[in-house]
Protein backbone atom coordinates (compact mmCIF):
# COMPACT_ATOMS: atom_id res chain seq x y z
CA MET A 1 61.77 49.23 -16.55
CA LYS A 2 65.53 48.56 -16.30
CA ILE A 3 65.17 47.58 -12.64
CA VAL A 4 62.55 44.96 -13.54
CA LYS A 5 64.76 43.55 -16.30
CA ASP A 6 67.84 43.47 -14.02
CA SER A 7 65.80 41.88 -11.22
CA LEU A 8 64.54 39.16 -13.54
CA THR A 9 68.07 38.49 -14.80
CA PHE A 10 69.44 38.28 -11.27
CA SER A 11 66.56 36.12 -9.98
CA SER A 12 66.52 33.74 -12.93
CA ALA A 13 70.28 33.16 -12.88
CA ARG A 14 70.06 30.55 -10.11
CA TYR A 15 67.42 28.58 -12.01
CA VAL A 16 69.44 28.70 -15.23
CA LEU A 17 72.51 27.45 -13.35
CA MET A 18 70.55 24.61 -11.74
CA GLY A 19 69.00 23.67 -15.10
CA LEU A 20 72.35 23.56 -16.86
CA SER A 21 73.79 21.47 -14.04
CA ALA A 22 70.90 19.00 -14.26
CA LEU A 23 71.22 18.84 -18.06
CA ARG A 24 74.95 18.21 -17.77
CA ASN A 25 74.47 15.42 -15.21
CA PHE A 26 71.71 13.69 -17.22
CA ALA A 27 73.86 13.81 -20.36
CA LEU A 28 76.88 12.43 -18.50
CA ALA A 29 74.78 9.63 -16.96
CA LYS A 30 73.78 8.55 -20.49
CA VAL A 31 77.23 8.90 -22.06
CA LEU A 32 79.54 7.54 -19.36
CA ASP A 33 79.80 3.96 -18.23
CA PRO A 34 79.20 3.27 -14.51
CA GLU A 35 82.90 3.40 -13.57
CA ASN A 36 83.53 6.74 -15.27
CA TYR A 37 80.25 8.17 -13.98
CA GLY A 38 81.45 7.23 -10.49
CA TYR A 39 84.61 9.22 -11.12
CA TRP A 40 82.44 12.15 -12.23
CA VAL A 41 80.48 11.92 -8.98
CA VAL A 42 83.73 11.99 -6.98
CA LEU A 43 84.88 15.07 -8.91
CA SER A 44 81.48 16.70 -8.41
CA LEU A 45 81.87 16.21 -4.66
CA VAL A 46 85.36 17.76 -4.79
CA PHE A 47 83.94 20.76 -6.66
CA ALA A 48 80.93 21.09 -4.33
CA TYR A 49 83.01 20.99 -1.16
CA GLY A 50 85.79 22.98 -2.85
CA ASP A 51 83.34 25.85 -3.21
CA GLN A 52 83.33 26.13 0.59
CA ILE A 53 87.11 26.59 0.83
CA HIS A 54 86.68 30.35 1.26
CA ILE A 55 85.46 29.62 4.85
CA GLY A 56 82.98 32.49 4.73
CA LEU A 57 85.27 35.21 3.42
CA ARG A 58 83.04 35.91 0.41
CA HIS A 59 80.04 36.25 2.72
CA ALA A 60 81.98 38.72 4.86
CA GLY A 61 82.67 40.72 1.72
CA ASP A 62 79.00 40.63 0.73
CA ARG A 63 78.19 42.13 4.12
CA ASP A 64 81.06 44.49 4.94
CA ILE A 65 82.07 46.04 1.63
CA PRO A 66 78.64 47.52 0.73
CA PHE A 67 78.28 48.75 4.32
CA LEU A 68 81.60 50.60 4.16
CA ARG A 69 80.89 51.96 0.68
CA GLY A 70 77.50 53.21 1.89
CA GLN A 71 79.27 55.11 4.65
CA GLU A 72 81.69 56.60 2.08
CA ARG A 73 84.61 54.72 3.70
CA HIS A 74 86.06 53.64 0.36
CA ASP A 75 89.65 53.21 1.58
CA GLU A 76 88.51 50.75 4.25
CA ALA A 77 86.31 48.92 1.71
CA ASP A 78 89.29 48.61 -0.65
CA HIS A 79 91.50 47.37 2.19
CA ILE A 80 88.94 44.73 3.18
CA THR A 81 88.63 43.70 -0.47
CA ARG A 82 92.39 43.12 -0.66
CA VAL A 83 92.48 41.22 2.63
CA LEU A 84 89.56 39.00 1.63
CA PHE A 85 91.06 38.31 -1.78
CA SER A 86 94.39 37.40 -0.16
CA GLY A 87 92.60 35.01 2.19
CA ILE A 88 90.68 33.40 -0.66
CA LEU A 89 93.90 32.99 -2.65
CA PHE A 90 95.60 31.44 0.38
CA PHE A 91 92.84 28.91 1.04
CA SER A 92 92.54 28.14 -2.68
CA ALA A 93 96.27 27.44 -2.83
CA LEU A 94 95.96 25.16 0.21
CA ALA A 95 93.13 23.24 -1.46
CA CYS A 96 95.13 22.95 -4.67
CA LEU A 97 98.20 21.74 -2.79
CA GLY A 98 96.14 19.29 -0.72
CA LEU A 99 94.48 17.76 -3.77
CA SER A 100 97.83 17.62 -5.58
CA PHE A 101 99.42 15.89 -2.60
CA ALA A 102 96.55 13.39 -2.43
CA GLU A 103 97.05 12.61 -6.11
CA LEU A 104 100.83 12.46 -6.16
CA SER A 105 101.18 10.50 -2.92
CA GLY A 106 98.77 7.83 -4.12
CA MET A 107 96.45 8.47 -1.18
CA VAL A 108 93.54 8.62 -3.60
CA HIS A 109 93.41 6.32 -6.59
CA LEU A 110 91.04 7.17 -9.42
CA GLY A 111 91.88 4.37 -11.81
CA ARG A 112 92.86 5.51 -15.28
CA LEU A 113 92.36 9.17 -14.46
CA ARG A 114 95.89 10.36 -13.83
CA ASN A 115 96.44 13.81 -12.35
CA VAL A 116 92.71 14.55 -12.25
CA LEU A 117 92.86 15.79 -8.64
CA ILE A 118 95.60 18.24 -9.58
CA LEU A 119 93.36 19.57 -12.33
CA ALA A 120 90.44 19.64 -9.89
CA GLY A 121 92.53 21.70 -7.46
CA LEU A 122 93.24 24.23 -10.19
CA VAL A 123 89.53 24.36 -11.08
CA VAL A 124 88.60 24.90 -7.42
CA ALA A 125 91.10 27.76 -7.17
CA GLY A 126 89.80 29.30 -10.40
CA GLU A 127 86.22 28.98 -9.19
CA GLN A 128 87.08 30.82 -5.97
CA ILE A 129 88.60 33.70 -7.93
CA SER A 130 85.63 33.95 -10.28
CA ARG A 131 83.11 33.77 -7.43
CA PHE A 132 85.07 36.49 -5.61
CA SER A 133 84.75 38.68 -8.70
CA TYR A 134 80.97 38.05 -8.77
CA MET A 135 80.84 39.11 -5.13
CA ILE A 136 82.74 42.31 -5.91
CA LEU A 137 80.35 43.07 -8.77
CA ARG A 138 77.38 42.59 -6.42
CA THR A 139 78.92 44.93 -3.84
CA ARG A 140 79.12 47.54 -6.60
CA LYS A 141 75.43 46.99 -7.41
CA GLU A 142 76.23 45.29 -10.73
CA PHE A 143 73.73 42.49 -10.10
CA ALA A 144 72.74 41.93 -13.74
CA LEU A 145 76.36 41.85 -14.96
CA SER A 146 77.28 39.44 -12.17
CA SER A 147 74.42 37.13 -13.14
CA LYS A 148 75.20 37.29 -16.85
CA LEU A 149 78.86 36.43 -16.24
CA GLU A 150 77.92 33.56 -13.96
CA ILE A 151 75.51 32.15 -16.54
CA GLY A 152 78.13 32.55 -19.27
CA ILE A 153 80.75 30.66 -17.25
CA GLU A 154 78.22 27.90 -16.51
CA ILE A 155 77.40 27.57 -20.22
CA ILE A 156 81.13 27.28 -20.99
CA ARG A 157 81.54 24.72 -18.19
CA THR A 158 78.60 22.67 -19.48
CA ALA A 159 79.88 22.78 -23.07
CA SER A 160 83.40 21.77 -22.00
CA VAL A 161 82.16 18.78 -19.99
């Protein structure tokens, strides 16, 4: 029975995340004026494209780490985990620096929202680290825990917005 419960948790997590995102966007569309909602859309695009900054490293981990663990090659799996995490940190830092440069140089002007791209860069970097940890949990067959953590973070994100 536990496998059914864990499967339902893992499968329903995506729908919960999409529902919370839709709820958040509908609420923001009602609360914000058109100018500020436009800023929200710009930030949403930064976050959506920022999620791709890992350039496939998380997907490589999803594929390679369980394979190596299944072959009892734990040292190699741990080495790949460290390499992938280093790469994700590197690309996250680049994204954070790039967004900070765009903000500080005046390349991008978001009206009254000062330093918002710097904050967005920090959020993108934090998201990459949390998504990496979800990937590690999945490679250790902790699917339900991974889903519960992801839902919890999304609830916090929705409440903070």
